[in-house]
């Protein structure tokens, strides 16, 4: 699993990794979480870690 994670990080830019994580999170909120109608606005990965990583 660690090796796969390293390969994934080397294959995709940091921005693309965060885009993917945001898409998965959005999918989970809309289609998986039982109480999706009560989801609150929260910071995305791109809003937090990507800006910090590029600084």
N, C-alpha and C. Protein backbone atom coordinates (compact mmCIF):
# COMPACT_ATOMS: atom_id res chain seq x y z
N UNK A 1 0.83 -1.18 0.00
CA UNK A 1 0.00 0.00 0.00
C UNK A 1 0.88 1.26 0.00
N UNK A 2 1.97 1.24 0.74
CA UNK A 2 2.88 2.38 0.77
C UNK A 2 3.49 2.61 -0.60
N UNK A 3 3.90 1.53 -1.26
CA UNK A 3 4.48 1.64 -2.60
C UNK A 3 3.47 2.22 -3.58
N UNK A 4 2.23 1.77 -3.52
CA UNK A 4 1.19 2.32 -4.41
C UNK A 4 0.99 3.80 -4.15
N UNK A 5 1.02 4.20 -2.89
CA UNK A 5 0.87 5.61 -2.56
C UNK A 5 2.02 6.43 -3.15
N UNK A 6 3.23 5.93 -3.06
CA UNK A 6 4.38 6.63 -3.64
C UNK A 6 4.23 6.76 -5.15
N UNK A 7 3.82 5.69 -5.80
CA UNK A 7 3.63 5.72 -7.26
C UNK A 7 2.55 6.73 -7.64
N UNK A 8 1.47 6.75 -6.89
CA UNK A 8 0.37 7.68 -7.14
C UNK A 8 0.86 9.12 -7.02
N UNK A 9 1.64 9.40 -5.96
CA UNK A 9 2.14 10.76 -5.75
C UNK A 9 3.10 11.17 -6.85
N UNK A 10 3.87 10.24 -7.38
CA UNK A 10 4.82 10.57 -8.44
C UNK A 10 4.12 10.72 -9.79
N UNK A 11 2.99 10.09 -9.97
CA UNK A 11 2.29 10.10 -11.25
C UNK A 11 1.41 11.32 -11.45
N UNK A 12 0.95 11.93 -10.36
CA UNK A 12 0.02 13.05 -10.45
C UNK A 12 0.57 14.25 -9.70
N UNK A 13 0.35 15.42 -10.28
CA UNK A 13 0.77 16.65 -9.60
C UNK A 13 -0.02 16.81 -8.31
N UNK A 14 0.48 17.64 -7.42
CA UNK A 14 -0.20 17.89 -6.16
C UNK A 14 -1.60 18.45 -6.42
N UNK A 15 -1.72 19.35 -7.38
CA UNK A 15 -3.03 19.92 -7.71
C UNK A 15 -4.00 18.83 -8.16
N UNK A 16 -3.54 17.91 -8.98
CA UNK A 16 -4.41 16.82 -9.47
C UNK A 16 -4.80 15.89 -8.33
N UNK A 17 -3.89 15.64 -7.40
CA UNK A 17 -4.21 14.80 -6.24
C UNK A 17 -5.33 15.42 -5.43
N UNK A 18 -5.23 16.74 -5.19
CA UNK A 18 -6.27 17.41 -4.41
C UNK A 18 -7.59 17.50 -5.16
N UNK A 19 -7.54 17.66 -6.47
CA UNK A 19 -8.78 17.64 -7.27
C UNK A 19 -9.48 16.30 -7.10
N UNK A 20 -8.71 15.23 -7.15
CA UNK A 20 -9.27 13.89 -7.00
C UNK A 20 -9.88 13.70 -5.62
N UNK A 21 -9.18 14.12 -4.59
CA UNK A 21 -9.70 14.01 -3.23
C UNK A 21 -10.99 14.82 -3.06
N UNK A 22 -11.02 16.01 -3.64
CA UNK A 22 -12.24 16.83 -3.55
C UNK A 22 -13.41 16.17 -4.27
N UNK A 23 -13.15 15.57 -5.41
CA UNK A 23 -14.21 14.89 -6.16
C UNK A 23 -14.76 13.70 -5.37
N UNK A 24 -13.88 12.93 -4.77
CA UNK A 24 -14.32 11.79 -3.96
C UNK A 24 -15.13 12.27 -2.77
N UNK A 25 -14.66 13.34 -2.13
CA UNK A 25 -15.38 13.87 -0.98
C UNK A 25 -16.77 14.37 -1.39
N UNK A 26 -16.85 15.05 -2.53
CA UNK A 26 -18.14 15.54 -3.01
C UNK A 26 -19.08 14.36 -3.32
N UNK A 27 -18.55 13.33 -3.96
CA UNK A 27 -19.34 12.14 -4.27
C UNK A 27 -19.88 11.51 -2.98
N UNK A 28 -19.00 11.38 -1.99
CA UNK A 28 -19.42 10.78 -0.71
C UNK A 28 -20.53 11.61 -0.07
N UNK A 29 -20.38 12.94 -0.08
CA UNK A 29 -21.38 13.80 0.52
C UNK A 29 -22.74 13.68 -0.18
N UNK A 30 -22.72 13.55 -1.48
CA UNK A 30 -23.98 13.56 -2.23
C UNK A 30 -24.64 12.19 -2.33
N UNK A 31 -23.85 11.13 -2.38
CA UNK A 31 -24.43 9.83 -2.69
C UNK A 31 -24.24 8.76 -1.63
N UNK A 32 -23.38 8.98 -0.67
CA UNK A 32 -23.08 7.92 0.29
C UNK A 32 -23.53 8.29 1.70
N UNK A 33 -23.20 9.49 2.13
CA UNK A 33 -23.54 9.87 3.50
C UNK A 33 -25.05 9.84 3.70
N UNK A 34 -25.45 9.27 4.81
CA UNK A 34 -26.87 9.10 5.10
C UNK A 34 -27.61 10.42 5.23
N UNK A 35 -26.96 11.41 5.78
CA UNK A 35 -27.62 12.68 6.04
C UNK A 35 -27.05 13.77 5.14
N UNK A 36 -26.95 13.50 3.86
CA UNK A 36 -26.32 14.43 2.91
C UNK A 36 -27.04 15.77 2.86
N UNK A 37 -28.32 15.79 3.16
CA UNK A 37 -29.06 17.04 3.09
C UNK A 37 -28.62 18.03 4.16
N UNK A 38 -27.92 17.57 5.19
CA UNK A 38 -27.50 18.44 6.28
C UNK A 38 -26.00 18.76 6.22
N UNK A 39 -25.37 18.49 5.08
CA UNK A 39 -23.95 18.78 4.94
C UNK A 39 -23.71 20.28 5.04
N UNK A 40 -22.63 20.64 5.66
CA UNK A 40 -22.27 22.04 5.79
C UNK A 40 -21.10 22.36 4.88
N UNK A 41 -20.95 23.62 4.56
CA UNK A 41 -19.83 24.05 3.73
C UNK A 41 -18.54 23.89 4.52
N UNK A 42 -17.58 23.24 3.92
CA UNK A 42 -16.30 23.07 4.59
C UNK A 42 -15.19 23.35 3.60
N UNK A 43 -14.03 23.64 4.10
CA UNK A 43 -12.89 23.92 3.24
C UNK A 43 -12.52 22.67 2.46
N UNK A 44 -12.13 22.85 1.22
CA UNK A 44 -11.70 21.72 0.41
C UNK A 44 -10.20 21.54 0.58
N UNK A 45 -9.69 20.43 0.09
CA UNK A 45 -8.25 20.18 0.16
C UNK A 45 -7.50 21.28 -0.57
N UNK A 46 -7.99 21.67 -1.73
CA UNK A 46 -7.32 22.69 -2.51
C UNK A 46 -7.29 24.03 -1.79
N UNK A 47 -8.31 24.31 -1.02
CA UNK A 47 -8.37 25.57 -0.29
C UNK A 47 -7.34 25.63 0.83
N UNK A 48 -6.91 24.51 1.32
CA UNK A 48 -6.02 24.52 2.49
C UNK A 48 -4.62 24.02 2.15
N UNK A 49 -4.47 22.75 1.96
CA UNK A 49 -3.15 22.14 1.81
C UNK A 49 -2.44 22.54 0.53
N UNK A 50 -3.16 22.71 -0.56
CA UNK A 50 -2.50 23.03 -1.83
C UNK A 50 -1.86 24.42 -1.74
N UNK A 51 -2.58 25.37 -1.19
CA UNK A 51 -2.01 26.72 -1.05
C UNK A 51 -0.78 26.69 -0.14
N UNK A 52 -0.84 25.92 0.91
CA UNK A 52 0.28 25.80 1.84
C UNK A 52 1.46 25.12 1.15
N UNK A 53 1.21 24.10 0.35
CA UNK A 53 2.29 23.36 -0.32
C UNK A 53 2.97 24.20 -1.38
N UNK A 54 2.23 25.10 -2.01
CA UNK A 54 2.82 25.92 -3.07
C UNK A 54 3.57 27.12 -2.50
N UNK A 55 3.36 27.43 -1.22
CA UNK A 55 4.02 28.61 -0.62
C UNK A 55 5.49 28.37 -0.39
